[in-house]
N, C-alpha and C. Protein backbone atom coordinates (compact mmCIF):
# COMPACT_ATOMS: atom_id res chain seq x y z
N MET A 1 5.95 12.68 -5.10
CA MET A 1 5.49 12.45 -3.75
C MET A 1 6.37 13.28 -2.81
N ALA A 2 5.74 13.95 -1.88
CA ALA A 2 6.46 14.78 -0.93
C ALA A 2 7.13 13.91 0.13
N GLU A 3 8.21 14.42 0.65
CA GLU A 3 8.95 13.72 1.69
C GLU A 3 8.49 14.22 3.06
N VAL A 4 8.27 13.33 4.00
CA VAL A 4 7.89 13.69 5.36
C VAL A 4 9.13 13.56 6.23
N ASN A 5 9.42 14.60 7.00
CA ASN A 5 10.60 14.59 7.85
C ASN A 5 10.22 14.28 9.29
N LEU A 6 10.92 13.32 9.89
CA LEU A 6 10.72 12.93 11.28
C LEU A 6 12.06 12.83 11.98
N THR A 7 12.04 13.07 13.29
CA THR A 7 13.23 12.90 14.10
C THR A 7 13.05 11.67 14.97
N ALA A 8 14.04 10.79 14.97
CA ALA A 8 13.97 9.55 15.73
C ALA A 8 15.08 9.52 16.76
N GLN A 9 14.83 8.76 17.82
CA GLN A 9 15.84 8.54 18.86
C GLN A 9 16.27 7.08 18.78
N THR A 10 17.56 6.84 18.96
CA THR A 10 17.99 5.45 18.99
C THR A 10 17.56 4.84 20.33
N ARG A 11 17.31 3.55 20.31
CA ARG A 11 16.92 2.87 21.55
C ARG A 11 17.81 1.66 21.73
N ASN A 12 18.13 1.38 23.00
CA ASN A 12 18.98 0.24 23.29
C ASN A 12 18.33 -0.72 24.27
N GLU A 13 17.05 -0.50 24.58
CA GLU A 13 16.28 -1.45 25.37
C GLU A 13 15.37 -2.21 24.42
N PHE A 14 15.30 -3.52 24.60
CA PHE A 14 14.50 -4.33 23.70
C PHE A 14 13.55 -5.20 24.52
N GLY A 15 12.59 -5.78 23.86
CA GLY A 15 11.65 -6.68 24.52
C GLY A 15 10.30 -6.04 24.72
N LYS A 16 9.38 -6.84 25.22
CA LYS A 16 7.99 -6.43 25.39
C LYS A 16 7.85 -5.27 26.38
N GLY A 17 8.54 -5.36 27.52
CA GLY A 17 8.44 -4.32 28.54
C GLY A 17 8.98 -2.99 28.05
N ALA A 18 10.12 -3.02 27.39
CA ALA A 18 10.71 -1.79 26.86
C ALA A 18 9.82 -1.17 25.78
N ALA A 19 9.22 -2.02 24.94
CA ALA A 19 8.32 -1.51 23.89
C ALA A 19 7.09 -0.85 24.51
N ARG A 20 6.56 -1.44 25.57
CA ARG A 20 5.40 -0.84 26.24
C ARG A 20 5.76 0.51 26.86
N ARG A 21 6.93 0.61 27.48
CA ARG A 21 7.36 1.90 28.05
C ARG A 21 7.50 2.94 26.95
N THR A 22 8.04 2.53 25.82
CA THR A 22 8.22 3.45 24.69
C THR A 22 6.87 3.96 24.21
N ARG A 23 5.89 3.05 24.08
CA ARG A 23 4.56 3.45 23.61
C ARG A 23 3.85 4.34 24.62
N ARG A 24 4.07 4.12 25.92
CA ARG A 24 3.46 4.98 26.94
C ARG A 24 3.94 6.41 26.84
N GLU A 25 5.16 6.60 26.33
CA GLU A 25 5.73 7.94 26.17
C GLU A 25 5.26 8.60 24.87
N GLY A 26 4.36 7.94 24.14
CA GLY A 26 3.85 8.49 22.88
C GLY A 26 4.75 8.23 21.70
N LEU A 27 5.68 7.30 21.86
CA LEU A 27 6.60 6.95 20.79
C LEU A 27 6.28 5.56 20.25
N VAL A 28 6.78 5.27 19.05
CA VAL A 28 6.56 3.97 18.42
C VAL A 28 7.93 3.32 18.20
N PRO A 29 8.13 2.11 18.71
CA PRO A 29 9.40 1.43 18.44
C PRO A 29 9.48 1.01 16.98
N GLY A 30 10.68 1.06 16.44
CA GLY A 30 10.87 0.68 15.05
C GLY A 30 12.29 0.24 14.77
N VAL A 31 12.49 -0.27 13.56
CA VAL A 31 13.81 -0.73 13.12
C VAL A 31 14.04 -0.19 11.72
N VAL A 32 15.25 0.34 11.49
CA VAL A 32 15.66 0.79 10.16
C VAL A 32 16.71 -0.19 9.67
N TYR A 33 16.48 -0.78 8.51
CA TYR A 33 17.43 -1.74 7.96
C TYR A 33 17.56 -1.55 6.46
N GLY A 34 18.59 -2.14 5.90
CA GLY A 34 18.80 -2.09 4.45
C GLY A 34 20.23 -1.73 4.09
N HIS A 35 20.58 -1.97 2.84
CA HIS A 35 21.90 -1.66 2.27
C HIS A 35 23.02 -2.41 2.97
N GLY A 36 22.73 -3.56 3.56
CA GLY A 36 23.77 -4.37 4.18
C GLY A 36 24.28 -3.82 5.51
N ALA A 37 23.70 -2.75 6.01
CA ALA A 37 24.14 -2.17 7.28
C ALA A 37 23.44 -2.88 8.43
N GLU A 38 23.99 -2.71 9.61
CA GLU A 38 23.37 -3.26 10.81
C GLU A 38 22.04 -2.56 11.05
N PRO A 39 21.02 -3.29 11.50
CA PRO A 39 19.74 -2.65 11.81
C PRO A 39 19.90 -1.62 12.94
N VAL A 40 19.17 -0.53 12.81
CA VAL A 40 19.20 0.52 13.81
C VAL A 40 17.82 0.53 14.49
N HIS A 41 17.80 0.35 15.81
CA HIS A 41 16.55 0.35 16.56
C HIS A 41 16.26 1.79 17.00
N VAL A 42 15.05 2.25 16.68
CA VAL A 42 14.70 3.64 16.93
C VAL A 42 13.34 3.75 17.61
N SER A 43 13.10 4.94 18.17
CA SER A 43 11.78 5.31 18.69
C SER A 43 11.34 6.53 17.88
N LEU A 44 10.13 6.46 17.33
CA LEU A 44 9.61 7.51 16.46
C LEU A 44 8.42 8.20 17.12
N PRO A 45 8.20 9.49 16.83
CA PRO A 45 7.03 10.18 17.38
C PRO A 45 5.75 9.56 16.84
N GLY A 46 4.88 9.08 17.75
CA GLY A 46 3.71 8.30 17.39
C GLY A 46 2.72 9.01 16.48
N HIS A 47 2.30 10.23 16.86
CA HIS A 47 1.27 10.91 16.08
C HIS A 47 1.80 11.31 14.70
N ALA A 48 3.02 11.86 14.66
CA ALA A 48 3.60 12.27 13.37
C ALA A 48 3.78 11.08 12.44
N LEU A 49 4.19 9.94 13.00
CA LEU A 49 4.36 8.74 12.18
C LEU A 49 3.02 8.24 11.67
N MET A 50 2.01 8.25 12.54
CA MET A 50 0.67 7.81 12.12
C MET A 50 0.14 8.67 10.97
N MET A 51 0.35 9.98 11.06
CA MET A 51 -0.10 10.88 9.99
C MET A 51 0.69 10.63 8.70
N ALA A 52 1.97 10.36 8.82
CA ALA A 52 2.79 10.09 7.64
C ALA A 52 2.36 8.79 6.95
N LEU A 53 1.99 7.79 7.75
CA LEU A 53 1.63 6.49 7.18
C LEU A 53 0.25 6.48 6.53
N LYS A 54 -0.49 7.58 6.61
CA LYS A 54 -1.77 7.66 5.91
C LYS A 54 -1.56 7.71 4.39
N THR A 55 -0.37 8.12 3.96
CA THR A 55 -0.01 8.12 2.55
C THR A 55 0.66 6.79 2.23
N PRO A 56 0.13 6.03 1.27
CA PRO A 56 0.76 4.75 0.94
C PRO A 56 2.18 4.95 0.40
N ASN A 57 3.10 4.08 0.80
CA ASN A 57 4.49 4.10 0.35
C ASN A 57 5.15 5.46 0.54
N VAL A 58 4.89 6.10 1.67
CA VAL A 58 5.42 7.43 1.95
C VAL A 58 6.95 7.39 2.06
N LEU A 59 7.59 8.41 1.57
CA LEU A 59 9.04 8.56 1.68
C LEU A 59 9.30 9.42 2.92
N ILE A 60 10.06 8.88 3.86
CA ILE A 60 10.30 9.57 5.13
C ILE A 60 11.77 9.94 5.23
N GLY A 61 12.02 11.21 5.49
CA GLY A 61 13.37 11.69 5.79
C GLY A 61 13.55 11.57 7.29
N LEU A 62 14.37 10.65 7.73
CA LEU A 62 14.52 10.34 9.14
C LEU A 62 15.84 10.89 9.66
N ASP A 63 15.78 11.69 10.72
CA ASP A 63 16.97 12.24 11.36
C ASP A 63 17.25 11.40 12.60
N ILE A 64 18.34 10.64 12.57
CA ILE A 64 18.72 9.80 13.70
C ILE A 64 20.08 10.28 14.21
N ALA A 65 20.07 10.90 15.36
CA ALA A 65 21.30 11.41 16.00
C ALA A 65 22.10 12.28 15.05
N GLY A 66 21.44 13.18 14.34
CA GLY A 66 22.11 14.11 13.45
C GLY A 66 22.39 13.60 12.06
N LYS A 67 22.18 12.32 11.80
CA LYS A 67 22.39 11.75 10.47
C LYS A 67 21.03 11.58 9.80
N SER A 68 20.94 11.96 8.53
CA SER A 68 19.66 11.83 7.84
C SER A 68 19.65 10.56 6.99
N HIS A 69 18.51 9.91 6.99
CA HIS A 69 18.30 8.68 6.24
C HIS A 69 16.98 8.81 5.49
N LEU A 70 16.93 8.28 4.27
CA LEU A 70 15.67 8.16 3.55
C LEU A 70 15.15 6.75 3.76
N VAL A 71 13.88 6.64 4.18
CA VAL A 71 13.30 5.33 4.44
C VAL A 71 11.88 5.28 3.89
N ILE A 72 11.42 4.05 3.63
CA ILE A 72 10.01 3.81 3.31
C ILE A 72 9.51 2.73 4.26
N PRO A 73 8.22 2.76 4.61
CA PRO A 73 7.69 1.73 5.51
C PRO A 73 7.65 0.37 4.81
N LYS A 74 8.12 -0.65 5.49
CA LYS A 74 8.10 -1.99 4.93
C LYS A 74 7.03 -2.85 5.61
N ALA A 75 6.91 -2.72 6.94
CA ALA A 75 5.90 -3.47 7.69
C ALA A 75 5.44 -2.61 8.87
N VAL A 76 4.13 -2.54 9.04
CA VAL A 76 3.54 -1.76 10.13
C VAL A 76 2.64 -2.68 10.94
N GLN A 77 2.86 -2.70 12.25
CA GLN A 77 2.02 -3.51 13.14
C GLN A 77 1.14 -2.57 13.94
N ARG A 78 -0.16 -2.85 13.94
CA ARG A 78 -1.14 -2.05 14.68
C ARG A 78 -1.84 -2.93 15.70
N ASP A 79 -2.31 -2.29 16.77
CA ASP A 79 -3.12 -3.00 17.75
C ASP A 79 -4.42 -3.39 17.08
N PRO A 80 -4.84 -4.65 17.15
CA PRO A 80 -6.02 -5.09 16.40
C PRO A 80 -7.33 -4.47 16.91
N LEU A 81 -7.39 -4.07 18.17
CA LEU A 81 -8.62 -3.49 18.69
C LEU A 81 -8.63 -1.97 18.66
N LYS A 82 -7.56 -1.36 19.13
CA LYS A 82 -7.53 0.10 19.25
C LYS A 82 -6.94 0.79 18.02
N GLY A 83 -6.17 0.07 17.24
CA GLY A 83 -5.65 0.61 15.99
C GLY A 83 -4.39 1.44 16.12
N PHE A 84 -3.84 1.63 17.32
CA PHE A 84 -2.63 2.44 17.44
C PHE A 84 -1.42 1.65 16.94
N LEU A 85 -0.37 2.38 16.58
CA LEU A 85 0.83 1.76 16.03
C LEU A 85 1.60 1.06 17.14
N GLU A 86 1.98 -0.19 16.89
CA GLU A 86 2.78 -0.95 17.86
C GLU A 86 4.25 -1.02 17.48
N HIS A 87 4.52 -1.15 16.18
CA HIS A 87 5.91 -1.29 15.71
C HIS A 87 5.95 -1.00 14.22
N VAL A 88 7.08 -0.50 13.75
CA VAL A 88 7.22 -0.25 12.32
C VAL A 88 8.62 -0.66 11.86
N ASP A 89 8.68 -1.34 10.71
CA ASP A 89 9.95 -1.67 10.07
C ASP A 89 10.12 -0.71 8.90
N LEU A 90 11.28 -0.06 8.86
CA LEU A 90 11.56 0.92 7.82
C LEU A 90 12.74 0.44 6.98
N LEU A 91 12.62 0.57 5.67
CA LEU A 91 13.66 0.15 4.74
C LEU A 91 14.42 1.38 4.26
N ALA A 92 15.73 1.38 4.47
CA ALA A 92 16.58 2.49 4.02
C ALA A 92 16.69 2.46 2.50
N VAL A 93 16.54 3.60 1.86
CA VAL A 93 16.64 3.71 0.41
C VAL A 93 17.55 4.88 0.05
N LYS A 94 17.95 4.94 -1.21
CA LYS A 94 18.79 6.03 -1.70
C LYS A 94 18.11 6.66 -2.92
N HIS A 95 18.48 7.90 -3.22
CA HIS A 95 17.96 8.55 -4.42
C HIS A 95 18.37 7.73 -5.65
N GLY A 96 17.43 7.50 -6.54
CA GLY A 96 17.71 6.77 -7.77
C GLY A 96 17.60 5.25 -7.62
N GLU A 97 17.49 4.76 -6.41
CA GLU A 97 17.39 3.32 -6.19
C GLU A 97 15.98 2.84 -6.54
N LYS A 98 15.89 1.66 -7.15
CA LYS A 98 14.60 1.06 -7.47
C LYS A 98 14.16 0.16 -6.32
N VAL A 99 12.88 0.25 -5.95
CA VAL A 99 12.32 -0.58 -4.88
C VAL A 99 11.03 -1.22 -5.37
N ASP A 100 10.71 -2.39 -4.82
CA ASP A 100 9.45 -3.07 -5.13
C ASP A 100 8.41 -2.64 -4.10
N VAL A 101 7.28 -2.13 -4.57
CA VAL A 101 6.21 -1.67 -3.69
C VAL A 101 4.86 -2.12 -4.24
N GLU A 102 3.86 -2.09 -3.39
CA GLU A 102 2.49 -2.36 -3.82
C GLU A 102 1.75 -1.04 -3.92
N VAL A 103 1.05 -0.83 -5.03
CA VAL A 103 0.25 0.38 -5.20
C VAL A 103 -1.21 -0.02 -5.41
N VAL A 104 -2.09 0.83 -4.96
CA VAL A 104 -3.53 0.58 -5.04
C VAL A 104 -4.01 0.78 -6.47
N VAL A 105 -4.94 -0.07 -6.91
CA VAL A 105 -5.54 0.04 -8.25
C VAL A 105 -6.86 0.79 -8.12
N HIS A 106 -6.96 1.93 -8.83
CA HIS A 106 -8.21 2.71 -8.88
C HIS A 106 -8.82 2.56 -10.26
N VAL A 107 -10.15 2.66 -10.34
CA VAL A 107 -10.83 2.58 -11.63
C VAL A 107 -11.53 3.89 -11.90
N GLU A 108 -11.70 4.17 -13.19
CA GLU A 108 -12.48 5.34 -13.60
C GLU A 108 -13.37 4.94 -14.76
N GLY A 109 -14.48 5.61 -14.89
CA GLY A 109 -15.42 5.31 -15.96
C GLY A 109 -16.55 4.43 -15.47
N ASP A 110 -17.52 4.19 -16.35
CA ASP A 110 -18.69 3.37 -16.03
C ASP A 110 -18.72 2.15 -16.93
N LEU A 111 -19.23 1.07 -16.36
CA LEU A 111 -19.40 -0.15 -17.14
C LEU A 111 -20.48 0.04 -18.19
N ALA A 112 -20.55 -0.87 -19.15
CA ALA A 112 -21.59 -0.84 -20.18
C ALA A 112 -22.95 -0.95 -19.49
N PRO A 113 -23.99 -0.35 -20.09
CA PRO A 113 -25.32 -0.44 -19.49
C PRO A 113 -25.76 -1.88 -19.32
N GLY A 114 -26.47 -2.13 -18.25
CA GLY A 114 -26.92 -3.49 -17.96
C GLY A 114 -26.60 -3.82 -16.52
N SER A 115 -26.88 -5.03 -16.16
CA SER A 115 -26.66 -5.43 -14.77
C SER A 115 -25.32 -6.16 -14.64
N ASN A 116 -24.24 -5.39 -14.77
CA ASN A 116 -22.91 -5.96 -14.65
C ASN A 116 -22.27 -5.51 -13.35
N LEU A 117 -21.40 -6.35 -12.82
CA LEU A 117 -20.68 -6.05 -11.60
C LEU A 117 -19.18 -6.09 -11.87
N LEU A 118 -18.45 -5.19 -11.21
CA LEU A 118 -17.00 -5.17 -11.34
C LEU A 118 -16.40 -5.92 -10.15
N GLU A 119 -15.57 -6.90 -10.45
CA GLU A 119 -14.93 -7.68 -9.39
C GLU A 119 -13.43 -7.37 -9.38
N TYR A 120 -12.96 -6.95 -8.20
CA TYR A 120 -11.53 -6.74 -8.01
C TYR A 120 -10.90 -8.09 -7.66
N VAL A 121 -10.09 -8.63 -8.54
CA VAL A 121 -9.37 -9.86 -8.24
C VAL A 121 -8.12 -9.50 -7.44
N MET A 122 -7.51 -8.38 -7.78
CA MET A 122 -6.34 -7.85 -7.06
C MET A 122 -6.61 -6.38 -6.75
N ASN A 123 -6.49 -5.99 -5.48
CA ASN A 123 -6.69 -4.59 -5.10
C ASN A 123 -5.42 -3.78 -5.27
N THR A 124 -4.28 -4.46 -5.22
CA THR A 124 -3.00 -3.78 -5.35
C THR A 124 -2.19 -4.44 -6.46
N LEU A 125 -1.20 -3.73 -6.93
CA LEU A 125 -0.33 -4.20 -8.00
C LEU A 125 1.11 -3.98 -7.55
N ARG A 126 1.95 -5.00 -7.66
CA ARG A 126 3.36 -4.85 -7.29
C ARG A 126 4.12 -4.29 -8.48
N ILE A 127 4.78 -3.16 -8.22
CA ILE A 127 5.59 -2.52 -9.26
C ILE A 127 6.98 -2.22 -8.71
N GLN A 128 7.89 -1.91 -9.61
CA GLN A 128 9.22 -1.47 -9.24
C GLN A 128 9.33 -0.02 -9.69
N ALA A 129 9.68 0.86 -8.74
CA ALA A 129 9.76 2.28 -9.05
C ALA A 129 10.94 2.88 -8.31
N GLU A 130 11.35 4.06 -8.75
CA GLU A 130 12.42 4.77 -8.07
C GLU A 130 11.93 5.17 -6.67
N ALA A 131 12.78 5.00 -5.66
CA ALA A 131 12.38 5.22 -4.27
C ALA A 131 11.86 6.64 -4.02
N THR A 132 12.36 7.61 -4.74
CA THR A 132 11.92 8.99 -4.52
C THR A 132 10.76 9.38 -5.43
N ASN A 133 10.26 8.44 -6.23
CA ASN A 133 9.17 8.74 -7.15
C ASN A 133 8.16 7.58 -7.19
N ILE A 134 7.69 7.18 -6.02
CA ILE A 134 6.74 6.07 -5.92
C ILE A 134 5.33 6.61 -6.08
N PRO A 135 4.56 6.09 -7.02
CA PRO A 135 3.18 6.58 -7.19
C PRO A 135 2.29 6.09 -6.04
N GLU A 136 1.28 6.88 -5.70
CA GLU A 136 0.35 6.48 -4.64
C GLU A 136 -0.60 5.40 -5.14
N SER A 137 -0.95 5.48 -6.44
CA SER A 137 -1.88 4.51 -7.01
C SER A 137 -1.70 4.47 -8.52
N VAL A 138 -2.35 3.49 -9.15
CA VAL A 138 -2.43 3.42 -10.61
C VAL A 138 -3.91 3.42 -10.97
N THR A 139 -4.24 4.01 -12.11
CA THR A 139 -5.63 4.15 -12.53
C THR A 139 -5.84 3.46 -13.86
N VAL A 140 -6.98 2.75 -13.96
CA VAL A 140 -7.33 2.06 -15.19
C VAL A 140 -8.78 2.42 -15.54
N SER A 141 -9.06 2.57 -16.83
CA SER A 141 -10.40 2.91 -17.28
C SER A 141 -11.20 1.63 -17.55
N ILE A 142 -12.44 1.62 -17.04
CA ILE A 142 -13.33 0.48 -17.28
C ILE A 142 -14.52 0.92 -18.13
N ALA A 143 -14.41 2.08 -18.74
CA ALA A 143 -15.51 2.64 -19.51
C ALA A 143 -15.98 1.68 -20.61
N GLY A 144 -17.27 1.36 -20.59
CA GLY A 144 -17.89 0.57 -21.63
C GLY A 144 -17.62 -0.93 -21.56
N MET A 145 -16.94 -1.39 -20.53
CA MET A 145 -16.66 -2.83 -20.44
C MET A 145 -17.95 -3.59 -20.15
N ASP A 146 -18.09 -4.76 -20.77
CA ASP A 146 -19.28 -5.57 -20.62
C ASP A 146 -18.93 -6.88 -19.92
N ALA A 147 -19.94 -7.66 -19.55
CA ALA A 147 -19.74 -8.92 -18.86
C ALA A 147 -18.77 -9.81 -19.61
N GLY A 148 -17.85 -10.42 -18.89
CA GLY A 148 -16.86 -11.30 -19.48
C GLY A 148 -15.53 -10.61 -19.78
N ALA A 149 -15.51 -9.29 -19.72
CA ALA A 149 -14.27 -8.56 -19.99
C ALA A 149 -13.36 -8.60 -18.76
N SER A 150 -12.06 -8.61 -19.01
CA SER A 150 -11.08 -8.63 -17.93
C SER A 150 -10.00 -7.60 -18.20
N VAL A 151 -9.39 -7.13 -17.12
CA VAL A 151 -8.23 -6.25 -17.22
C VAL A 151 -7.05 -7.01 -16.64
N PHE A 152 -6.03 -7.20 -17.45
CA PHE A 152 -4.83 -7.91 -17.02
C PHE A 152 -3.82 -6.90 -16.47
N ALA A 153 -2.88 -7.40 -15.69
CA ALA A 153 -1.86 -6.53 -15.09
C ALA A 153 -1.08 -5.78 -16.17
N LYS A 154 -0.82 -6.43 -17.29
CA LYS A 154 -0.06 -5.80 -18.38
C LYS A 154 -0.84 -4.66 -19.05
N ASP A 155 -2.19 -4.63 -18.87
CA ASP A 155 -3.02 -3.61 -19.50
C ASP A 155 -3.10 -2.31 -18.70
N ILE A 156 -2.61 -2.32 -17.48
CA ILE A 156 -2.70 -1.13 -16.62
C ILE A 156 -1.53 -0.21 -16.92
N PRO A 157 -1.83 1.05 -17.28
CA PRO A 157 -0.75 1.99 -17.57
C PRO A 157 0.01 2.35 -16.30
N LEU A 158 1.33 2.24 -16.36
CA LEU A 158 2.18 2.54 -15.21
C LEU A 158 2.85 3.90 -15.41
N PRO A 159 3.17 4.59 -14.32
CA PRO A 159 3.88 5.87 -14.45
C PRO A 159 5.24 5.67 -15.09
N GLU A 160 5.77 6.70 -15.69
CA GLU A 160 7.06 6.64 -16.35
C GLU A 160 8.15 6.25 -15.35
N GLY A 161 9.01 5.35 -15.73
CA GLY A 161 10.09 4.89 -14.87
C GLY A 161 9.71 3.72 -13.98
N SER A 162 8.46 3.28 -14.06
CA SER A 162 8.00 2.14 -13.25
C SER A 162 7.89 0.91 -14.13
N SER A 163 8.06 -0.26 -13.52
CA SER A 163 7.88 -1.51 -14.26
C SER A 163 7.07 -2.47 -13.40
N LEU A 164 6.42 -3.40 -14.05
CA LEU A 164 5.55 -4.37 -13.41
C LEU A 164 6.36 -5.50 -12.79
N VAL A 165 6.06 -5.87 -11.55
CA VAL A 165 6.70 -7.00 -10.88
C VAL A 165 5.78 -8.21 -10.92
N ASP A 166 4.47 -7.98 -10.77
CA ASP A 166 3.49 -9.07 -10.81
C ASP A 166 3.47 -9.74 -12.18
N ASP A 167 2.86 -10.90 -12.25
CA ASP A 167 2.69 -11.63 -13.51
C ASP A 167 1.87 -10.77 -14.47
N PRO A 168 2.38 -10.50 -15.67
CA PRO A 168 1.65 -9.66 -16.62
C PRO A 168 0.30 -10.26 -17.03
N GLU A 169 0.17 -11.59 -16.96
CA GLU A 169 -1.07 -12.24 -17.36
C GLU A 169 -2.07 -12.38 -16.21
N ALA A 170 -1.73 -11.85 -15.03
CA ALA A 170 -2.63 -11.94 -13.88
C ALA A 170 -3.84 -11.04 -14.10
N ILE A 171 -5.03 -11.55 -13.78
CA ILE A 171 -6.26 -10.76 -13.91
C ILE A 171 -6.38 -9.86 -12.70
N VAL A 172 -6.53 -8.56 -12.94
CA VAL A 172 -6.67 -7.58 -11.87
C VAL A 172 -8.15 -7.27 -11.64
N LEU A 173 -8.89 -7.05 -12.72
CA LEU A 173 -10.32 -6.73 -12.65
C LEU A 173 -11.06 -7.59 -13.66
N GLN A 174 -12.29 -7.93 -13.34
CA GLN A 174 -13.13 -8.60 -14.33
C GLN A 174 -14.57 -8.16 -14.14
N VAL A 175 -15.30 -8.14 -15.24
CA VAL A 175 -16.71 -7.75 -15.23
C VAL A 175 -17.54 -9.03 -15.31
N VAL A 176 -18.45 -9.15 -14.36
CA VAL A 176 -19.32 -10.33 -14.32
C VAL A 176 -20.77 -9.88 -14.41
N ALA A 177 -21.61 -10.74 -14.96
CA ALA A 177 -23.04 -10.44 -15.05
C ALA A 177 -23.67 -10.72 -13.70
N ALA A 178 -24.56 -9.84 -13.27
CA ALA A 178 -25.26 -10.03 -12.01
C ALA A 178 -26.28 -11.14 -12.18
N LYS A 179 -26.24 -12.14 -11.33
CA LYS A 179 -27.14 -13.28 -11.45
C LYS A 179 -28.37 -13.15 -10.57
N VAL A 180 -28.38 -12.16 -9.71
CA VAL A 180 -29.52 -11.98 -8.80
C VAL A 180 -30.78 -11.65 -9.59
N GLU A 181 -30.67 -10.76 -10.54
CA GLU A 181 -31.84 -10.35 -11.32
C GLU A 181 -32.33 -11.49 -12.22
N GLU A 182 -31.40 -12.28 -12.75
CA GLU A 182 -31.80 -13.40 -13.60
C GLU A 182 -32.60 -14.41 -12.79
N ALA A 183 -32.17 -14.67 -11.57
CA ALA A 183 -32.87 -15.63 -10.72
C ALA A 183 -34.26 -15.10 -10.38
N ALA A 184 -34.37 -13.79 -10.10
CA ALA A 184 -35.67 -13.20 -9.79
C ALA A 184 -36.60 -13.30 -11.00
N THR A 185 -36.09 -13.07 -12.19
CA THR A 185 -36.90 -13.15 -13.41
C THR A 185 -37.38 -14.58 -13.63
N ALA A 186 -36.53 -15.58 -13.38
CA ALA A 186 -36.91 -16.98 -13.56
C ALA A 186 -38.00 -17.38 -12.58
N GLU A 187 -37.92 -16.85 -11.34
CA GLU A 187 -38.96 -17.16 -10.35
C GLU A 187 -40.30 -16.56 -10.74
N GLU A 188 -40.27 -15.33 -11.27
CA GLU A 188 -41.50 -14.68 -11.70
C GLU A 188 -42.14 -15.47 -12.85
N GLY A 189 -41.33 -15.97 -13.77
CA GLY A 189 -41.85 -16.76 -14.91
C GLY A 189 -42.45 -18.06 -14.43
N ALA A 190 -41.89 -18.69 -13.42
CA ALA A 190 -42.40 -19.95 -12.89
C ALA A 190 -43.73 -19.74 -12.18
N GLU A 191 -43.87 -18.60 -11.52
CA GLU A 191 -45.14 -18.30 -10.81
C GLU A 191 -46.27 -18.06 -11.79
N ALA A 192 -45.96 -17.46 -12.96
CA ALA A 192 -47.00 -17.14 -13.93
C ALA A 192 -47.49 -18.41 -14.55
């Protein structure tokens, strides 16, 4: 995963009014914390941060007053109506450090012929990976799966150096038979 570099300014005004002034200037208020250090309150460039956050679990090289920090987004708050960034919490990480993150589960392949539906029980999977090598997603094959089949968390192949944090016996995907067609067929038989 590529690293995105941003320059941040420290901020010493806090509260709702100060946050609104910061956002009016095109900046996003945020906090950098981790490794037992005191939290650092920063203002980040709004558009550049929004573009960086389009990549899940992005690694950000943050320059704060001449000092560089590696961070990953921990919590992002958006305006519920307009969608712009309101605040971001960033977790400081180091090279080689393991972090717990959520990655998106993607599927490939086609289900067995018939009227089967794929149900996502979990859209994301919690894994532990090196902070500088966090995968964007994990992929699992559903080729040929028939109704009643399930994919457990332990069955999903993880990238090298990653380990599963979620319960290995948790169901991530399951194939169910579509009942809409069965009901339509039963109605047709009753009419005849």
